[in-house]
Protein backbone atom coordinates (compact mmCIF):
# COMPACT_ATOMS: atom_id res chain seq x y z
CA UNK A 1 -82.34 -84.24 -74.17
CA UNK A 2 -80.55 -87.21 -75.60
CA UNK A 3 -78.85 -88.96 -72.71
CA UNK A 4 -75.79 -91.14 -72.73
CA UNK A 5 -77.02 -94.06 -70.64
CA UNK A 6 -75.86 -97.67 -70.56
CA UNK A 7 -77.87 -100.47 -68.99
CA UNK A 8 -75.98 -102.44 -66.34
CA UNK A 9 -78.08 -105.51 -67.01
CA UNK A 10 -76.62 -107.55 -69.79
CA UNK A 11 -73.07 -106.29 -69.33
CA UNK A 12 -70.54 -109.08 -69.19
CA UNK A 13 -66.79 -109.34 -68.81
CA UNK A 14 -66.63 -109.11 -72.59
CA UNK A 15 -66.21 -105.51 -73.74
CA UNK A 16 -69.30 -104.06 -75.39
CA UNK A 17 -69.27 -100.87 -77.46
CA UNK A 18 -72.05 -98.27 -77.25
CA UNK A 19 -72.25 -95.39 -79.72
CA UNK A 20 -73.85 -92.00 -79.14
CA UNK A 21 -74.22 -88.79 -81.12
CA UNK A 22 -73.34 -85.64 -79.18
CA UNK A 23 -75.11 -82.71 -80.79
CA UNK A 24 -75.94 -79.10 -80.08
CA UNK A 25 -79.09 -79.94 -78.09
CA UNK A 26 -77.10 -82.25 -75.81
CA UNK A 27 -74.43 -79.60 -75.11
CA UNK A 28 -76.96 -76.78 -74.61
CA UNK A 29 -78.84 -78.87 -72.05
CA UNK A 30 -75.81 -78.37 -69.77
CA UNK A 31 -74.96 -74.73 -70.54
CA UNK A 32 -74.25 -72.04 -73.13
CA UNK A 33 -70.46 -72.45 -73.51
CA UNK A 34 -70.81 -74.35 -76.78
CA UNK A 35 -72.78 -72.81 -79.67
CA UNK A 36 -72.99 -76.07 -81.61
CA UNK A 37 -71.50 -79.55 -81.51
CA UNK A 38 -71.01 -82.49 -83.81
CA UNK A 39 -69.25 -85.31 -81.99
CA UNK A 40 -69.43 -89.07 -81.83
CA UNK A 41 -68.99 -90.74 -78.46
CA UNK A 42 -68.09 -94.38 -78.01
CA UNK A 43 -68.19 -96.05 -74.63
CA UNK A 44 -66.70 -99.51 -74.37
CA UNK A 45 -67.86 -101.10 -71.11
CA UNK A 46 -67.19 -104.39 -69.38
CA UNK A 47 -68.01 -105.82 -65.95
CA UNK A 48 -65.02 -106.47 -63.76
CA UNK A 49 -66.41 -108.30 -60.75
CA UNK A 50 -68.38 -105.77 -58.70
CA UNK A 51 -67.41 -102.72 -60.79
CA UNK A 52 -67.54 -101.63 -64.44
CA UNK A 53 -64.62 -100.55 -66.56
CA UNK A 54 -65.46 -98.00 -69.25
CA UNK A 55 -63.33 -96.48 -71.99
CA UNK A 56 -64.73 -93.21 -73.32
CA UNK A 57 -63.67 -92.01 -76.76
CA UNK A 58 -65.08 -88.81 -78.26
CA UNK A 59 -64.20 -87.37 -81.67
CA UNK A 60 -65.63 -84.40 -83.51
CA UNK A 61 -65.81 -80.65 -83.19
CA UNK A 62 -67.55 -77.90 -81.28
CA UNK A 63 -68.23 -74.29 -82.18
CA UNK A 64 -67.60 -71.59 -79.58
CA UNK A 65 -67.42 -67.80 -79.66
CA UNK A 66 -63.98 -66.27 -80.29
CA UNK A 67 -62.93 -64.17 -77.29
CA UNK A 68 -61.31 -61.59 -79.58
CA UNK A 69 -63.70 -61.00 -82.50
CA UNK A 70 -66.88 -62.78 -81.28
CA UNK A 71 -67.17 -64.79 -84.51
CA UNK A 72 -67.70 -68.53 -84.46
CA UNK A 73 -64.59 -70.61 -83.79
CA UNK A 74 -64.49 -74.32 -84.64
CA UNK A 75 -62.44 -76.40 -82.20
CA UNK A 76 -61.54 -80.08 -82.54
CA UNK A 77 -62.56 -82.57 -79.86
CA UNK A 78 -60.45 -85.66 -79.20
CA UNK A 79 -60.99 -87.55 -75.96
CA UNK A 80 -59.67 -90.95 -74.93
CA UNK A 81 -60.32 -91.56 -71.21
CA UNK A 82 -60.79 -94.50 -68.87
CA UNK A 83 -63.49 -94.53 -66.22
CA UNK A 84 -64.62 -96.84 -63.47
CA UNK A 85 -68.12 -97.30 -62.12
CA UNK A 86 -68.35 -98.59 -58.56
CA UNK A 87 -71.45 -99.60 -56.65
CA UNK A 88 -72.04 -99.01 -52.94
CA UNK A 89 -74.93 -99.36 -50.45
CA UNK A 90 -74.52 -95.71 -49.47
CA UNK A 91 -72.74 -93.86 -52.33
CA UNK A 92 -73.28 -90.44 -50.72
CA UNK A 93 -70.99 -91.40 -47.83
CA UNK A 94 -68.11 -92.54 -50.07
CA UNK A 95 -65.35 -89.97 -50.41
CA UNK A 96 -64.48 -89.82 -54.08
CA UNK A 97 -61.62 -87.59 -55.22
CA UNK A 98 -61.23 -89.12 -58.68
CA UNK A 99 -63.34 -87.46 -61.40
CA UNK A 100 -63.08 -90.59 -63.56
CA UNK A 101 -64.82 -92.78 -60.96
CA UNK A 102 -68.59 -92.83 -60.72
CA UNK A 103 -70.07 -94.25 -57.53
CA UNK A 104 -73.67 -95.41 -57.79
CA UNK A 105 -76.15 -97.12 -55.50
CA UNK A 106 -76.03 -100.93 -55.58
CA UNK A 107 -79.55 -101.13 -56.99
CA UNK A 108 -78.89 -98.95 -60.05
CA UNK A 109 -79.80 -100.62 -63.32
CA UNK A 110 -78.14 -98.08 -65.62
CA UNK A 111 -75.16 -95.74 -65.74
CA UNK A 112 -75.59 -92.19 -67.02
CA UNK A 113 -72.37 -90.95 -68.65
CA UNK A 114 -73.96 -87.69 -69.88
CA UNK A 115 -72.26 -85.37 -67.38
CA UNK A 116 -68.88 -87.08 -67.88
CA UNK A 117 -69.09 -86.77 -71.68
CA UNK A 118 -70.04 -83.09 -71.36
CA UNK A 119 -67.14 -82.47 -68.97
CA UNK A 120 -64.63 -84.27 -71.21
CA UNK A 121 -65.70 -82.15 -74.19
CA UNK A 122 -65.46 -78.93 -72.17
CA UNK A 123 -61.94 -79.89 -71.08
CA UNK A 124 -60.96 -79.86 -74.78
CA UNK A 125 -61.87 -76.16 -75.00
CA UNK A 126 -58.90 -73.88 -74.24
CA UNK A 127 -59.23 -71.12 -71.66
CA UNK A 128 -58.47 -68.51 -74.29
CA UNK A 129 -60.68 -69.20 -77.29
CA UNK A 130 -59.26 -67.17 -80.19
CA UNK A 131 -58.72 -67.66 -83.90
CA UNK A 132 -55.13 -68.14 -85.08
CA UNK A 133 -53.40 -64.86 -86.01
CA UNK A 134 -54.89 -63.32 -89.11
CA UNK A 135 -58.15 -65.32 -89.01
CA UNK A 136 -60.25 -63.06 -86.77
CA UNK A 137 -62.99 -60.91 -88.27
CA UNK A 138 -61.09 -57.86 -89.65
CA UNK A 139 -64.12 -55.60 -89.32
CA UNK A 140 -64.43 -56.36 -85.62
CA UNK A 141 -60.68 -55.94 -85.08
CA UNK A 142 -60.87 -52.53 -86.75
CA UNK A 143 -63.68 -51.53 -84.40
CA UNK A 144 -61.72 -52.71 -81.38
CA UNK A 145 -58.66 -50.73 -82.54
CA UNK A 146 -60.76 -47.58 -83.06
CA UNK A 147 -61.83 -47.46 -79.41
CA UNK A 148 -59.39 -45.49 -77.28
CA UNK A 149 -58.78 -46.56 -73.70
CA UNK A 150 -60.63 -44.49 -71.13
CA UNK A 151 -57.55 -43.87 -69.01
CA UNK A 152 -54.30 -42.86 -70.60
CA UNK A 153 -51.09 -43.91 -68.88
CA UNK A 154 -50.43 -40.40 -67.54
CA UNK A 155 -53.98 -40.20 -66.13
CA UNK A 156 -53.62 -43.51 -64.32
CA UNK A 157 -53.60 -43.44 -60.52
CA UNK A 158 -50.54 -45.68 -60.73
CA UNK A 159 -48.46 -43.27 -62.82
CA UNK A 160 -46.94 -41.85 -59.62
CA UNK A 161 -45.43 -45.25 -58.80
CA UNK A 162 -43.08 -44.89 -61.76
CA UNK A 163 -41.64 -41.71 -60.23
CA UNK A 164 -41.15 -43.45 -56.87
CA UNK A 165 -39.21 -46.27 -58.51
CA UNK A 166 -36.97 -43.81 -60.35
CA UNK A 167 -36.22 -41.91 -57.10
CA UNK A 168 -35.41 -45.16 -55.30
CA UNK A 169 -32.95 -46.24 -58.04
CA UNK A 170 -31.13 -42.83 -58.00
């Protein structure tokens, strides 16, 4: 797995840019949501006293499965987020409600942004992943249309509710 790790040693108050390639292997190491990926991640980091400021920019595209026709669907990825990395003697005891703040042990010599980059990319994927109208696989749409529903409206256990509503309104 190619990790997105930045060494804390050597960071100064001057912003430094780090470039990473986010590919299919990287995304699949976290899960199966993304079929393939081709993104470039840039992390610009600078020390700010006892914490690190990081700007995360990700551009590219991912391929997912269309929810309607099951064909591949290419989605753009555009991320521009700010993050903070704090250090603490006991990071497990620190209550952190901000997803863009990483809290690490004081002795850490590097910061792993891999999970954050994965999460940012996943947040670019809509809940309903479908092709624009007219772009789905017509063969699959024809198959879907050929399947009749198992329960017709009149066979539904809820069809009697319609009669109750009509009686109430009369």
